N, C-alpha and C. Protein backbone atom coordinates (compact mmCIF):
# COMPACT_ATOMS: atom_id res chain seq x y z
N MET A 1 -8.57 1.94 10.07
CA MET A 1 -7.96 2.17 8.78
C MET A 1 -6.59 1.52 8.74
N SER A 2 -6.27 0.92 7.62
CA SER A 2 -5.01 0.22 7.44
C SER A 2 -3.85 1.21 7.35
N PRO A 3 -2.66 0.80 7.81
CA PRO A 3 -1.50 1.69 7.68
C PRO A 3 -1.02 1.80 6.23
N HIS A 4 -1.61 1.02 5.33
CA HIS A 4 -1.21 1.08 3.91
C HIS A 4 -2.31 1.74 3.13
N PRO A 5 -2.04 2.50 2.16
CA PRO A 5 -0.71 2.80 1.65
C PRO A 5 0.01 3.81 2.52
N ALA A 6 1.30 3.66 2.59
CA ALA A 6 2.12 4.60 3.34
C ALA A 6 2.64 5.67 2.38
N ILE A 7 2.60 6.90 2.82
CA ILE A 7 3.10 8.01 2.02
C ILE A 7 4.12 8.76 2.88
N ARG A 8 5.34 8.88 2.35
CA ARG A 8 6.40 9.57 3.07
C ARG A 8 6.91 10.72 2.21
N TYR A 9 7.18 11.83 2.86
CA TYR A 9 7.70 13.00 2.15
C TYR A 9 8.92 13.52 2.90
N VAL A 10 9.99 13.78 2.16
CA VAL A 10 11.22 14.31 2.73
C VAL A 10 11.41 15.73 2.17
N PRO A 11 11.09 16.76 2.98
CA PRO A 11 11.16 18.12 2.47
C PRO A 11 12.56 18.56 2.02
N GLU A 12 13.59 18.06 2.68
CA GLU A 12 14.96 18.47 2.34
C GLU A 12 15.32 18.13 0.89
N THR A 13 14.78 17.04 0.40
CA THR A 13 15.08 16.62 -0.98
C THR A 13 13.86 16.73 -1.89
N ASP A 14 12.71 17.14 -1.34
CA ASP A 14 11.46 17.24 -2.10
C ASP A 14 11.14 15.91 -2.79
N THR A 15 11.31 14.84 -2.02
CA THR A 15 11.07 13.49 -2.54
C THR A 15 9.89 12.87 -1.80
N MET A 16 9.00 12.23 -2.56
CA MET A 16 7.84 11.56 -1.98
C MET A 16 7.88 10.09 -2.38
N ALA A 17 7.59 9.22 -1.42
CA ALA A 17 7.48 7.79 -1.68
C ALA A 17 6.05 7.38 -1.34
N ILE A 18 5.38 6.76 -2.30
CA ILE A 18 3.99 6.34 -2.11
C ILE A 18 3.94 4.83 -2.30
N GLU A 19 3.65 4.10 -1.21
CA GLU A 19 3.47 2.66 -1.30
C GLU A 19 2.10 2.39 -1.90
N LEU A 20 2.07 1.62 -2.97
CA LEU A 20 0.81 1.28 -3.61
C LEU A 20 0.09 0.16 -2.89
N ARG A 21 0.87 -0.65 -2.19
CA ARG A 21 0.32 -1.83 -1.49
C ARG A 21 1.36 -2.31 -0.49
N PRO A 22 0.94 -3.16 0.43
CA PRO A 22 1.92 -3.72 1.37
C PRO A 22 2.93 -4.60 0.64
N TRP A 23 4.09 -4.71 1.22
CA TRP A 23 5.12 -5.63 0.68
C TRP A 23 4.58 -7.04 0.78
N PRO A 24 4.65 -7.85 -0.27
CA PRO A 24 4.11 -9.22 -0.23
C PRO A 24 4.81 -10.07 0.83
N GLU A 25 4.02 -10.86 1.52
CA GLU A 25 4.57 -11.72 2.58
C GLU A 25 5.50 -12.78 2.02
N ALA A 26 5.06 -13.48 1.00
CA ALA A 26 5.85 -14.58 0.45
C ALA A 26 6.84 -14.03 -0.58
N ALA A 27 8.11 -14.21 -0.29
CA ALA A 27 9.13 -13.77 -1.25
C ALA A 27 9.14 -14.74 -2.41
N MET A 28 9.13 -14.19 -3.60
CA MET A 28 9.14 -15.03 -4.80
C MET A 28 10.50 -14.89 -5.47
N ASP A 29 10.52 -14.41 -6.66
CA ASP A 29 11.75 -14.27 -7.44
C ASP A 29 12.42 -12.93 -7.12
N ASP A 30 13.51 -12.97 -6.38
CA ASP A 30 14.21 -11.75 -6.01
C ASP A 30 14.74 -11.00 -7.23
N ALA A 31 14.84 -11.67 -8.38
CA ALA A 31 15.32 -11.00 -9.59
C ALA A 31 14.33 -9.93 -10.04
N GLN A 32 13.09 -10.02 -9.63
CA GLN A 32 12.07 -9.06 -10.01
C GLN A 32 12.12 -7.80 -9.16
N VAL A 33 12.85 -7.84 -8.04
CA VAL A 33 12.93 -6.69 -7.15
C VAL A 33 13.81 -5.63 -7.80
N GLY A 34 13.33 -4.40 -7.80
CA GLY A 34 14.12 -3.32 -8.37
C GLY A 34 13.22 -2.18 -8.77
N GLY A 35 13.78 -1.26 -9.49
CA GLY A 35 13.02 -0.11 -9.92
C GLY A 35 13.36 0.25 -11.34
N GLU A 36 12.47 1.04 -11.95
CA GLU A 36 12.73 1.49 -13.31
C GLU A 36 12.25 2.93 -13.46
N ASP A 37 12.96 3.69 -14.27
CA ASP A 37 12.52 5.04 -14.58
C ASP A 37 11.24 4.93 -15.37
N ALA A 38 10.22 5.67 -14.93
CA ALA A 38 8.92 5.59 -15.57
C ALA A 38 8.42 6.96 -16.03
N GLY A 39 9.26 7.94 -15.95
CA GLY A 39 8.89 9.29 -16.35
C GLY A 39 9.84 10.27 -15.72
N GLU A 40 9.62 11.54 -16.01
CA GLU A 40 10.49 12.57 -15.45
C GLU A 40 10.38 12.58 -13.92
N ASP A 41 11.48 12.31 -13.25
CA ASP A 41 11.57 12.31 -11.78
C ASP A 41 10.69 11.24 -11.13
N LEU A 42 10.40 10.16 -11.85
CA LEU A 42 9.56 9.08 -11.31
C LEU A 42 10.27 7.74 -11.47
N VAL A 43 10.40 7.03 -10.34
CA VAL A 43 10.93 5.67 -10.35
C VAL A 43 9.86 4.77 -9.73
N ILE A 44 9.51 3.70 -10.43
CA ILE A 44 8.56 2.73 -9.90
C ILE A 44 9.37 1.53 -9.43
N HIS A 45 9.19 1.18 -8.15
CA HIS A 45 9.88 0.05 -7.54
C HIS A 45 8.95 -1.15 -7.53
N TYR A 46 9.53 -2.32 -7.75
CA TYR A 46 8.77 -3.56 -7.85
C TYR A 46 9.08 -4.49 -6.69
N ALA A 47 8.08 -5.27 -6.28
CA ALA A 47 8.23 -6.28 -5.23
C ALA A 47 8.67 -7.59 -5.88
N PRO A 48 9.01 -8.60 -5.07
CA PRO A 48 9.46 -9.88 -5.63
C PRO A 48 8.42 -10.56 -6.53
N ASP A 49 7.14 -10.21 -6.40
CA ASP A 49 6.12 -10.82 -7.27
C ASP A 49 6.06 -10.14 -8.63
N GLY A 50 6.93 -9.14 -8.86
CA GLY A 50 7.01 -8.47 -10.15
C GLY A 50 6.00 -7.37 -10.36
N LYS A 51 5.17 -7.09 -9.36
CA LYS A 51 4.15 -6.05 -9.47
C LYS A 51 4.64 -4.76 -8.80
N PRO A 52 4.16 -3.60 -9.29
CA PRO A 52 4.58 -2.34 -8.67
C PRO A 52 4.25 -2.30 -7.17
N TRP A 53 5.19 -1.77 -6.40
CA TRP A 53 5.03 -1.68 -4.96
C TRP A 53 5.09 -0.24 -4.48
N LEU A 54 6.01 0.57 -5.03
CA LEU A 54 6.22 1.92 -4.51
C LEU A 54 6.59 2.85 -5.66
N TRP A 55 6.02 4.06 -5.60
CA TRP A 55 6.41 5.12 -6.54
C TRP A 55 7.29 6.09 -5.78
N GLU A 56 8.46 6.37 -6.32
CA GLU A 56 9.38 7.36 -5.75
C GLU A 56 9.38 8.58 -6.68
N ILE A 57 8.94 9.71 -6.15
CA ILE A 57 8.80 10.92 -6.96
C ILE A 57 9.81 11.95 -6.47
N GLU A 58 10.78 12.25 -7.31
CA GLU A 58 11.77 13.29 -7.00
C GLU A 58 11.19 14.63 -7.44
N HIS A 59 11.56 15.71 -6.76
CA HIS A 59 11.01 17.04 -7.05
C HIS A 59 9.48 16.96 -7.03
N ALA A 60 8.96 16.32 -5.99
CA ALA A 60 7.53 16.02 -5.90
C ALA A 60 6.64 17.25 -6.01
N SER A 61 7.08 18.37 -5.46
CA SER A 61 6.24 19.57 -5.50
C SER A 61 6.04 20.07 -6.93
N ALA A 62 6.89 19.64 -7.86
CA ALA A 62 6.76 20.03 -9.26
C ALA A 62 6.01 18.99 -10.09
N HIS A 63 5.60 17.89 -9.44
CA HIS A 63 4.96 16.80 -10.19
C HIS A 63 3.66 16.32 -9.56
N PRO A 64 2.67 17.19 -9.46
CA PRO A 64 1.38 16.74 -8.92
C PRO A 64 0.74 15.66 -9.79
N GLU A 65 1.10 15.61 -11.07
CA GLU A 65 0.54 14.58 -11.95
C GLU A 65 0.98 13.18 -11.53
N HIS A 66 2.23 13.04 -11.03
CA HIS A 66 2.70 11.73 -10.55
C HIS A 66 1.97 11.34 -9.27
N ILE A 67 1.79 12.30 -8.38
CA ILE A 67 1.09 12.04 -7.12
C ILE A 67 -0.34 11.61 -7.42
N ALA A 68 -1.02 12.34 -8.29
CA ALA A 68 -2.40 12.01 -8.64
C ALA A 68 -2.49 10.63 -9.30
N ALA A 69 -1.53 10.29 -10.15
CA ALA A 69 -1.55 8.99 -10.82
C ALA A 69 -1.35 7.85 -9.81
N ALA A 70 -0.45 8.04 -8.85
CA ALA A 70 -0.23 7.01 -7.83
C ALA A 70 -1.48 6.83 -6.99
N LEU A 71 -2.12 7.92 -6.59
CA LEU A 71 -3.33 7.81 -5.79
C LEU A 71 -4.46 7.17 -6.58
N ALA A 72 -4.53 7.45 -7.87
CA ALA A 72 -5.55 6.82 -8.71
C ALA A 72 -5.32 5.31 -8.81
N GLN A 73 -4.05 4.91 -8.87
CA GLN A 73 -3.74 3.48 -8.93
C GLN A 73 -4.15 2.80 -7.62
N ILE A 74 -3.92 3.47 -6.50
CA ILE A 74 -4.32 2.91 -5.20
C ILE A 74 -5.84 2.79 -5.15
N ARG A 75 -6.55 3.83 -5.61
CA ARG A 75 -8.01 3.79 -5.61
C ARG A 75 -8.54 2.64 -6.47
N ARG A 76 -7.96 2.46 -7.67
CA ARG A 76 -8.40 1.37 -8.55
C ARG A 76 -8.21 0.02 -7.87
N ALA A 77 -7.07 -0.15 -7.23
CA ALA A 77 -6.80 -1.42 -6.55
C ALA A 77 -7.77 -1.65 -5.40
N ALA A 78 -8.13 -0.58 -4.69
CA ALA A 78 -9.03 -0.71 -3.53
C ALA A 78 -10.46 -1.01 -3.95
N THR A 79 -10.86 -0.49 -5.11
CA THR A 79 -12.25 -0.69 -5.56
C THR A 79 -12.38 -1.84 -6.54
N GLY A 80 -11.24 -2.38 -6.97
CA GLY A 80 -11.28 -3.49 -7.92
C GLY A 80 -11.63 -3.05 -9.32
N ALA A 81 -11.53 -1.76 -9.57
CA ALA A 81 -11.88 -1.24 -10.91
C ALA A 81 -10.73 -1.37 -11.86
């Protein structure tokens, strides 16, 4: 089994980071790197290719909907759906 997606949880801050995919090997436009608020306590971080790379969920224990949505996105990518 691949080490990706990686899921990290920090109990002290109740923050979860879910990697949707590995970081792209070839660096493209660094201007695309960054994150944006995408909902309550949710920041989506982007890789240099401009595609989502990581979901950062603050107060994760209060947001199972964000966790489920991130896992659904990983599943769609894995099955090509």
